[in-house]
Amino acid sequence: MRFLPIVRRLTAILLVLGVGALLALLLFVATRRGPEDLPWTPLDLGEPIGLATRGKLVALAGDAPACTALLDRAGVRYSRPPDRTSGAHCGYDDAVALRPGGANGLALAPADLGTSCAVAAALVLWEWQVVQPAALRHFGVPAARIEHFGSYSCRRIYGRAEGANWSEHARARAIDVAGVRLADGRRIGVAADWTGKGAEAAFLRDIRDGACTLFATTLSPDYNRAHHDHLHLDMAARGGFGVCR
């Protein structure tokens, strides 16, 4: 069963690109040296981000046992919130709440945030390989916590009328990141710093671009006014294709 997401992704690519382009893509991927670039190798949170990392993370959505086993192997601390059901379109049964300490050093504020396990795994990689390196590069100090507006919300896509698609928030498969607090107390906020020209704005764009390599959807203030104060990160299933704006 674990190969079904890979088959679906390859089928979607075949329909879009055609046989020749798909074979060329597979040849290119096969010549890459790292398992992080190969869609048929298991995900390892200790590996660098590769061509296949995002697809492997998306494939974890709805597979809580495989996802929590992945977190366990990486030494990530977490708890399991109770399952939640609210009608036919809302709720979750695969949520985890990341805990500071262990391998995951960043805190989340507010704490006790329950997200889909796939989102949590992507957040861990985002911390390790995107947020912390960017904080050290731009400010010379590590990040201390990620500040957010929440994950679960039983609603349709923001700003859409009745009948529109349901938001990934309705399944806790999304998180809205408001900013990052550094170890020296400085806060880098999306609302305040996105439009600047200094290190703060460059840092926010770096972590947005890094999120695009991990999450199925990354939406920033560059997308529309509804996202002027946060980065929307989610794990929507769309055949391996991502959205980065």
C-alpha atoms as a PDB file:
ATOM      1  CA  MET A   1       0.000   0.000   0.000  1.00  0.00           C
ATOM      2  CA  ARG A   2       2.869   2.380   0.621  1.00  0.00           C
ATOM      3  CA  PHE A   3       3.631   2.381  -3.104  1.00  0.00           C
ATOM      4  CA  LEU A   4       0.174   3.664  -4.113  1.00  0.00           C
ATOM      5  CA  PRO A   5       1.027   7.369  -3.607  1.00  0.00           C
ATOM      6  CA  ILE A   6       4.136   6.909  -5.751  1.00  0.00           C
ATOM      7  CA  VAL A   7       2.096   5.235  -8.502  1.00  0.00           C
ATOM      8  CA  ARG A   8      -0.456   8.045  -8.377  1.00  0.00           C
ATOM      9  CA  ARG A   9       2.250  10.694  -8.625  1.00  0.00           C
ATOM     10  CA  LEU A  10       3.960   8.966 -11.564  1.00  0.00           C
ATOM     11  CA  THR A  11       0.578   8.556 -13.318  1.00  0.00           C
ATOM     12  CA  ALA A  12      -0.188  12.259 -12.893  1.00  0.00           C
ATOM     13  CA  ILE A  13       3.248  13.188 -14.247  1.00  0.00           C
ATOM     14  CA  LEU A  14       2.777  10.820 -17.194  1.00  0.00           C
ATOM     15  CA  LEU A  15      -0.550  12.419 -18.119  1.00  0.00           C
ATOM     16  CA  VAL A  16       0.922  15.919 -18.011  1.00  0.00           C
ATOM     17  CA  LEU A  17       4.353  15.370 -19.527  1.00  0.00           C
ATOM     18  CA  GLY A  18       3.966  12.368 -21.779  1.00  0.00           C
ATOM     19  CA  VAL A  19       6.041   9.187 -21.925  1.00  0.00           C
ATOM     20  CA  GLY A  20       9.225  10.723 -23.328  1.00  0.00           C
ATOM     21  CA  ALA A  21       9.387  13.506 -20.779  1.00  0.00           C
ATOM     22  CA  LEU A  22       8.615  11.090 -17.967  1.00  0.00           C
ATOM     23  CA  LEU A  23      11.427   8.749 -19.026  1.00  0.00           C
ATOM     24  CA  ALA A  24      13.811  11.692 -19.197  1.00  0.00           C
ATOM     25  CA  LEU A  25      12.710  12.773 -15.738  1.00  0.00           C
ATOM     26  CA  LEU A  26      13.184   9.289 -14.319  1.00  0.00           C
ATOM     27  CA  LEU A  27      16.638   9.055 -15.905  1.00  0.00           C
ATOM     28  CA  PHE A  28      17.589  12.390 -14.377  1.00  0.00           C
ATOM     29  CA  VAL A  29      16.323  11.395 -10.949  1.00  0.00           C
ATOM     30  CA  ALA A  30      18.012   7.971 -11.138  1.00  0.00           C
ATOM     31  CA  THR A  31      21.391   9.612 -11.719  1.00  0.00           C
ATOM     32  CA  ARG A  32      21.092  11.730  -8.595  1.00  0.00           C
ATOM     33  CA  ARG A  33      23.259  10.449  -5.774  1.00  0.00           C
ATOM     34  CA  GLY A  34      21.076  10.964  -2.713  1.00  0.00           C
ATOM     35  CA  PRO A  35      18.048   8.912  -1.637  1.00  0.00           C
ATOM     36  CA  GLU A  36      16.302  12.214  -0.883  1.00  0.00           C
ATOM     37  CA  ASP A  37      15.968  12.654  -4.664  1.00  0.00           C
ATOM     38  CA  LEU A  38      14.440   9.224  -5.318  1.00  0.00           C
ATOM     39  CA  PRO A  39      10.661   8.858  -4.818  1.00  0.00           C
ATOM     40  CA  TRP A  40      10.849   5.113  -4.089  1.00  0.00           C
ATOM     41  CA  THR A  41      13.237   5.362  -1.121  1.00  0.00           C
ATOM     42  CA  PRO A  42      11.856   5.801   2.423  1.00  0.00           C
ATOM     43  CA  LEU A  43      11.797   9.256   3.951  1.00  0.00           C
ATOM     44  CA  ASP A  44      14.483   9.991   6.535  1.00  0.00           C
ATOM     45  CA  LEU A  45      14.295  13.277   8.451  1.00  0.00           C
ATOM     46  CA  GLY A  46      18.068  13.196   8.823  1.00  0.00           C
ATOM     47  CA  GLU A  47      18.628  13.508   5.072  1.00  0.00           C
ATOM     48  CA  PRO A  48      18.922  16.837   3.250  1.00  0.00           C
ATOM     49  CA  ILE A  49      15.907  18.175   1.391  1.00  0.00           C
ATOM     50  CA  GLY A  50      15.773  16.628  -2.067  1.00  0.00           C
ATOM     51  CA  LEU A  51      13.635  16.402  -5.180  1.00  0.00           C
ATOM     52  CA  ALA A  52      11.391  13.742  -3.650  1.00  0.00           C
ATOM     53  CA  THR A  53      11.147  15.067  -0.082  1.00  0.00           C
ATOM     54  CA  ARG A  54       7.930  17.027  -0.508  1.00  0.00           C
ATOM     55  CA  GLY A  55       6.148  14.154  -2.215  1.00  0.00           C
ATOM     56  CA  LYS A  56       7.148  11.758   0.557  1.00  0.00           C
ATOM     57  CA  LEU A  57       5.876  14.169   3.194  1.00  0.00           C
ATOM     58  CA  VAL A  58       2.542  14.608   1.414  1.00  0.00           C
ATOM     59  CA  ALA A  59       2.219  10.816   1.179  1.00  0.00           C
ATOM     60  CA  LEU A  60       2.295  10.658   4.989  1.00  0.00           C
ATOM     61  CA  ALA A  61      -1.035  12.496   5.241  1.00  0.00           C
ATOM     62  CA  GLY A  62      -3.565  10.093   6.697  1.00  0.00           C
ATOM     63  CA  ASP A  63      -0.944   7.484   7.620  1.00  0.00           C
ATOM     64  CA  ALA A  64      -0.391   8.280  11.279  1.00  0.00           C
ATOM     65  CA  PRO A  65       1.494   5.038  12.172  1.00  0.00           C
ATOM     66  CA  ALA A  66       4.119   5.567   9.452  1.00  0.00           C
ATOM     67  CA  CYS A  67       4.408   9.246  10.289  1.00  0.00           C
ATOM     68  CA  THR A  68       4.796   8.844  14.045  1.00  0.00           C
ATOM     69  CA  ALA A  69       7.335   6.057  13.457  1.00  0.00           C
ATOM     70  CA  LEU A  70       9.299   8.528  11.327  1.00  0.00           C
ATOM     71  CA  LEU A  71       9.218  11.120  14.144  1.00  0.00           C
ATOM     72  CA  ASP A  72      10.270   8.472  16.662  1.00  0.00           C
ATOM     73  CA  ARG A  73      13.294   7.448  14.584  1.00  0.00           C
ATOM     74  CA  ALA A  74      14.350  11.098  14.348  1.00  0.00           C
ATOM     75  CA  GLY A  75      14.102  11.641  18.115  1.00  0.00           C
ATOM     76  CA  VAL A  76      11.302  14.204  17.806  1.00  0.00           C
ATOM     77  CA  ARG A  77       9.202  14.827  20.921  1.00  0.00           C
ATOM     78  CA  TYR A  78       5.432  14.992  20.487  1.00  0.00           C
ATOM     79  CA  SER A  79       2.100  14.012  22.004  1.00  0.00           C
ATOM     80  CA  ARG A  80      -1.094  12.725  20.371  1.00  0.00           C
ATOM     81  CA  PRO A  81      -4.167  14.948  20.829  1.00  0.00           C
ATOM     82  CA  PRO A  82      -7.556  13.207  20.945  1.00  0.00           C
ATOM     83  CA  ASP A  83      -9.184  12.601  17.574  1.00  0.00           C
ATOM     84  CA  ARG A  84     -11.759  15.166  16.547  1.00  0.00           C
ATOM     85  CA  THR A  85     -14.831  14.910  14.322  1.00  0.00           C
ATOM     86  CA  SER A  86     -17.134  17.724  13.285  1.00  0.00           C
ATOM     87  CA  GLY A  87     -19.460  16.809  10.446  1.00  0.00           C
ATOM     88  CA  ALA A  88     -18.507  15.152   7.206  1.00  0.00           C
ATOM     89  CA  HIS A  89     -15.756  17.573   6.206  1.00  0.00           C
ATOM     90  CA  CYS A  90     -14.004  18.522   9.419  1.00  0.00           C
ATOM     91  CA  GLY A  91     -11.867  16.800  12.029  1.00  0.00           C
ATOM     92  CA  TYR A  92      -8.707  14.738  12.268  1.00  0.00           C
ATOM     93  CA  ASP A  93      -7.451  11.368  13.469  1.00  0.00           C
ATOM     94  CA  ASP A  94      -3.728  11.709  12.739  1.00  0.00           C
ATOM     95  CA  ALA A  95      -2.750  14.839  14.675  1.00  0.00           C
ATOM     96  CA  VAL A  96       0.384  15.303  16.755  1.00  0.00           C
ATOM     97  CA  ALA A  97       1.505  18.173  18.981  1.00  0.00           C
ATOM     98  CA  LEU A  98       5.224  18.903  18.748  1.00  0.00           C
ATOM     99  CA  ARG A  99       7.049  19.405  22.056  1.00  0.00           C
ATOM    100  CA  PRO A 100      10.280  21.387  22.457  1.00  0.00           C
ATOM    101  CA  GLY A 101      13.335  19.424  23.461  1.00  0.00           C
ATOM    102  CA  GLY A 102      14.853  16.318  22.016  1.00  0.00           C
ATOM    103  CA  ALA A 103      15.676  16.724  18.348  1.00  0.00           C
ATOM    104  CA  ASN A 104      13.186  19.543  17.768  1.00  0.00           C
ATOM    105  CA  GLY A 105      14.499  22.616  19.523  1.00  0.00           C
ATOM    106  CA  LEU A 106      12.040  25.244  18.346  1.00  0.00           C
ATOM    107  CA  ALA A 107       8.949  25.938  20.408  1.00  0.00           C
ATOM    108  CA  LEU A 108       5.584  26.762  18.896  1.00  0.00           C
ATOM    109  CA  ALA A 109       3.645  29.721  20.224  1.00  0.00           C
ATOM    110  CA  PRO A 110       0.886  29.297  21.207  1.00  0.00           C
ATOM    111  CA  ALA A 111       1.924  25.882  22.496  1.00  0.00           C
ATOM    112  CA  ASP A 112      -0.078  22.651  22.314  1.00  0.00           C
ATOM    113  CA  LEU A 113      -0.765  23.043  18.621  1.00  0.00           C
ATOM    114  CA  GLY A 114      -2.251  19.925  17.052  1.00  0.00           C
ATOM    115  CA  THR A 115      -1.547  19.459  13.351  1.00  0.00           C
ATOM    116  CA  SER A 116      -1.641  16.587  10.920  1.00  0.00           C
ATOM    117  CA  CYS A 117       1.431  14.447  11.487  1.00  0.00           C
ATOM    118  CA  ALA A 118       2.586  15.159   7.931  1.00  0.00           C
ATOM    119  CA  VAL A 119       2.525  18.899   8.672  1.00  0.00           C
ATOM    120  CA  ALA A 120       4.441  18.301  11.907  1.00  0.00           C
ATOM    121  CA  ALA A 121       7.124  16.286  10.086  1.00  0.00           C
ATOM    122  CA  ALA A 122       7.485  19.053   7.503  1.00  0.00           C
ATOM    123  CA  LEU A 123       7.747  21.645  10.283  1.00  0.00           C
ATOM    124  CA  VAL A 124      10.591  19.681  11.862  1.00  0.00           C
ATOM    125  CA  LEU A 125      12.522  19.604   8.585  1.00  0.00           C
ATOM    126  CA  TRP A 126      11.715  23.281   7.999  1.00  0.00           C
ATOM    127  CA  GLU A 127      13.193  24.124  11.397  1.00  0.00           C
ATOM    128  CA  TRP A 128      16.326  22.039  10.939  1.00  0.00           C
ATOM    129  CA  GLN A 129      17.206  22.795   7.355  1.00  0.00           C
ATOM    130  CA  VAL A 130      15.567  26.132   6.551  1.00  0.00           C
ATOM    131  CA  VAL A 131      14.626  28.325   9.532  1.00  0.00           C
ATOM    132  CA  GLN A 132      17.683  27.807  11.727  1.00  0.00           C
ATOM    133  CA  PRO A 133      20.273  28.159   8.937  1.00  0.00           C
ATOM    134  CA  ALA A 134      18.486  31.291   7.695  1.00  0.00           C
ATOM    135  CA  ALA A 135      18.392  32.810  11.197  1.00  0.00           C
ATOM    136  CA  LEU A 136      22.113  32.225  11.675  1.00  0.00           C
ATOM    137  CA  ARG A 137      22.902  33.518   8.203  1.00  0.00           C
ATOM    138  CA  HIS A 138      20.931  36.759   8.521  1.00  0.00           C
ATOM    139  CA  PHE A 139      21.129  37.531  12.247  1.00  0.00           C
ATOM    140  CA  GLY A 140      23.932  35.451  13.743  1.00  0.00           C
ATOM    141  CA  VAL A 141      21.644  33.913  16.383  1.00  0.00           C
ATOM    142  CA  PRO A 142      19.357  30.866  16.297  1.00  0.00           C
ATOM    143  CA  ALA A 143      15.582  30.986  16.170  1.00  0.00           C
ATOM    144  CA  ALA A 144      13.780  30.243  19.430  1.00  0.00           C
ATOM    145  CA  ARG A 145      10.163  29.735  18.412  1.00  0.00           C
ATOM    146  CA  ILE A 146       7.709  29.839  15.557  1.00  0.00           C
ATOM    147  CA  GLU A 147       4.650  32.002  16.184  1.00  0.00           C
ATOM    148  CA  HIS A 148       1.451  30.965  14.440  1.00  0.00           C
ATOM    149  CA  PHE A 149      -2.274  31.636  14.053  1.00  0.00           C
ATOM    150  CA  GLY A 150      -3.284  27.996  14.394  1.00  0.00           C
ATOM    151  CA  SER A 151      -3.975  24.892  12.364  1.00  0.00           C
ATOM    152  CA  TYR A 152      -7.425  23.307  12.749  1.00  0.00           C
ATOM    153  CA  SER A 153     -10.422  25.369  11.666  1.00  0.00           C
ATOM    154  CA  CYS A 154     -13.641  23.883  10.310  1.00  0.00           C
ATOM    155  CA  ARG A 155     -14.119  26.219   7.344  1.00  0.00           C
ATOM    156  CA  ARG A 156     -13.974  26.481   3.604  1.00  0.00           C
ATOM    157  CA  ILE A 157     -11.118  28.131   1.718  1.00  0.00           C
ATOM    158  CA  TYR A 158     -10.617  31.618   3.117  1.00  0.00           C
ATOM    159  CA  GLY A 159     -12.876  34.259   1.622  1.00  0.00           C
ATOM    160  CA  ARG A 160     -14.876  31.769  -0.445  1.00  0.00           C
ATOM    161  CA  ALA A 161     -18.658  31.430  -0.377  1.00  0.00           C
ATOM    162  CA  GLU A 162     -20.765  28.405   0.443  1.00  0.00           C
ATOM    163  CA  GLY A 163     -20.044  25.633  -2.027  1.00  0.00           C
ATOM    164  CA  ALA A 164     -16.325  26.311  -2.321  1.00  0.00           C
ATOM    165  CA  ASN A 165     -13.763  23.642  -1.489  1.00  0.00           C
ATOM    166  CA  TRP A 166     -13.008  22.965   2.136  1.00  0.00           C
ATOM    167  CA  SER A 167      -9.786  24.384   3.512  1.00  0.00           C
ATOM    168  CA  GLU A 168      -6.911  22.096   4.489  1.00  0.00           C
ATOM    169  CA  HIS A 169      -7.366  23.688   7.912  1.00  0.00           C
ATOM    170  CA  ALA A 170     -10.580  21.661   8.222  1.00  0.00           C
ATOM    171  CA  ARG A 171      -8.407  18.527   8.542  1.00  0.00           C
ATOM    172  CA  ALA A 172      -5.555  20.179  10.495  1.00  0.00           C
ATOM    173  CA  ARG A 173      -3.373  19.745   7.405  1.00  0.00           C
ATOM    174  CA  ALA A 174      -2.301  23.397   7.399  1.00  0.00           C
ATOM    175  CA  ILE A 175      -0.633  25.935   9.648  1.00  0.00           C
ATOM    176  CA  ASP A 176      -0.507  29.724   9.396  1.00  0.00           C
ATOM    177  CA  VAL A 177       2.893  31.046  10.485  1.00  0.00           C
ATOM    178  CA  ALA A 178       2.888  34.655  11.720  1.00  0.00           C
ATOM    179  CA  GLY A 179       6.581  35.057  12.461  1.00  0.00           C
ATOM    180  CA  VAL A 180       9.731  33.816  14.135  1.00  0.00           C
ATOM    181  CA  ARG A 181      11.157  34.849  17.516  1.00  0.00           C
ATOM    182  CA  LEU A 182      14.960  34.801  17.700  1.00  0.00           C
ATOM    183  CA  ALA A 183      17.003  33.647  20.679  1.00  0.00           C
ATOM    184  CA  ASP A 184      17.968  37.261  21.473  1.00  0.00           C
ATOM    185  CA  GLY A 185      14.316  38.291  21.731  1.00  0.00           C
ATOM    186  CA  ARG A 186      13.899  39.915  18.343  1.00  0.00           C
ATOM    187  CA  ARG A 187      10.674  39.093  16.486  1.00  0.00           C
ATOM    188  CA  ILE A 188      10.574  38.788  12.714  1.00  0.00           C
ATOM    189  CA  GLY A 189       6.904  39.138  11.746  1.00  0.00           C
ATOM    190  CA  VAL A 190       5.297  38.643   8.353  1.00  0.00           C
ATOM    191  CA  ALA A 191       2.922  41.595   8.772  1.00  0.00           C
ATOM    192  CA  ALA A 192       5.628  44.021   9.910  1.00  0.00           C
ATOM    193  CA  ASP A 193       8.678  42.903   7.958  1.00  0.00           C
ATOM    194  CA  TRP A 194       7.642  41.345   4.656  1.00  0.00           C
ATOM    195  CA  THR A 195       7.728  44.585   2.676  1.00  0.00           C
ATOM    196  CA  GLY A 196      11.026  45.836   4.098  1.00  0.00           C
ATOM    197  CA  LYS A 197      14.423  45.790   2.413  1.00  0.00           C
ATOM    198  CA  GLY A 198      16.613  44.652   5.267  1.00  0.00           C
ATOM    199  CA  ALA A 199      17.657  41.336   6.753  1.00  0.00           C
ATOM    200  CA  GLU A 200      14.171  40.720   8.152  1.00  0.00           C
ATOM    201  CA  ALA A 201      12.493  40.724   4.751  1.00  0.00           C
ATOM    202  CA  ALA A 202      15.290  38.626   3.227  1.00  0.00           C
ATOM    203  CA  PHE A 203      14.962  36.102   6.060  1.00  0.00           C
ATOM    204  CA  LEU A 204      11.193  35.799   5.566  1.00  0.00           C
ATOM    205  CA  ARG A 205      11.599  35.221   1.849  1.00  0.00           C
ATOM    206  CA  ASP A 206      14.269  32.605   2.471  1.00  0.00           C
ATOM    207  CA  ILE A 207      12.077  30.637   4.829  1.00  0.00           C
ATOM    208  CA  ARG A 208       9.114  31.003   2.433  1.00  0.00           C
ATOM    209  CA  ASP A 209      11.209  29.617  -0.421  1.00  0.00           C
ATOM    210  CA  GLY A 210      12.449  26.795   1.808  1.00  0.00           C
ATOM    211  CA  ALA A 211       8.885  25.937   2.796  1.00  0.00           C
ATOM    212  CA  CYS A 212       8.057  25.535  -0.889  1.00  0.00           C
ATOM    213  CA  THR A 213      10.411  22.531  -1.029  1.00  0.00           C
ATOM    214  CA  LEU A 214       8.567  20.799   1.828  1.00  0.00           C
ATOM    215  CA  PHE A 215       4.886  21.740   1.835  1.00  0.00           C
ATOM    216  CA  ALA A 216       2.346  21.041  -0.897  1.00  0.00           C
ATOM    217  CA  THR A 217       1.142  24.645  -0.642  1.00  0.00           C
ATOM    218  CA  THR A 218       3.055  27.723   0.487  1.00  0.00           C
ATOM    219  CA  LEU A 219       1.207  31.045   0.285  1.00  0.00           C
ATOM    220  CA  SER A 220       2.737  34.360   1.349  1.00  0.00           C
ATOM    221  CA  PRO A 221       1.791  38.059   1.166  1.00  0.00           C
ATOM    222  CA  ASP A 222       2.951  37.908  -2.454  1.00  0.00           C
ATOM    223  CA  TYR A 223      -0.153  35.804  -3.172  1.00  0.00           C
ATOM    224  CA  ASN A 224      -2.955  38.088  -1.976  1.00  0.00           C
ATOM    225  CA  ARG A 225      -4.074  40.431   0.789  1.00  0.00           C
ATOM    226  CA  ALA A 226      -5.652  37.572   2.745  1.00  0.00           C
ATOM    227  CA  HIS A 227      -2.094  36.395   3.499  1.00  0.00           C
ATOM    228  CA  HIS A 228      -0.607  39.777   4.361  1.00  0.00           C
ATOM    229  CA  ASP A 229       0.243  38.696   7.903  1.00  0.00           C
ATOM    230  CA  HIS A 230       1.179  35.013   7.624  1.00  0.00           C
ATOM    231  CA  LEU A 231       2.612  32.157   5.603  1.00  0.00           C
ATOM    232  CA  HIS A 232       0.025  29.501   4.871  1.00  0.00           C
ATOM    233  CA  LEU A 233       1.652  26.050   4.739  1.00  0.00           C
ATOM    234  CA  ASP A 234      -0.370  22.935   3.974  1.00  0.00           C
ATOM    235  CA  MET A 235      -0.246  19.338   2.804  1.00  0.00           C
ATOM    236  CA  ALA A 236      -2.959  19.263   0.147  1.00  0.00           C
ATOM    237  CA  ALA A 237      -2.854  16.158  -2.039  1.00  0.00           C
ATOM    238  CA  ARG A 238      -2.549  17.194  -5.687  1.00  0.00           C
ATOM    239  CA  GLY A 239      -0.589  14.430  -7.388  1.00  0.00           C
ATOM    240  CA  GLY A 240       2.857  15.568  -6.284  1.00  0.00           C
ATOM    241  CA  PHE A 241       2.604  19.095  -7.660  1.00  0.00           C
ATOM    242  CA  GLY A 242       3.203  22.013  -5.325  1.00  0.00           C
ATOM    243  CA  VAL A 243       2.002  25.603  -5.167  1.00  0.00           C
ATOM    244  CA  CYS A 244       4.511  28.285  -4.144  1.00  0.00           C
ATOM    245  CA  ARG A 245       3.446  31.936  -4.137  1.00  0.00           C
END
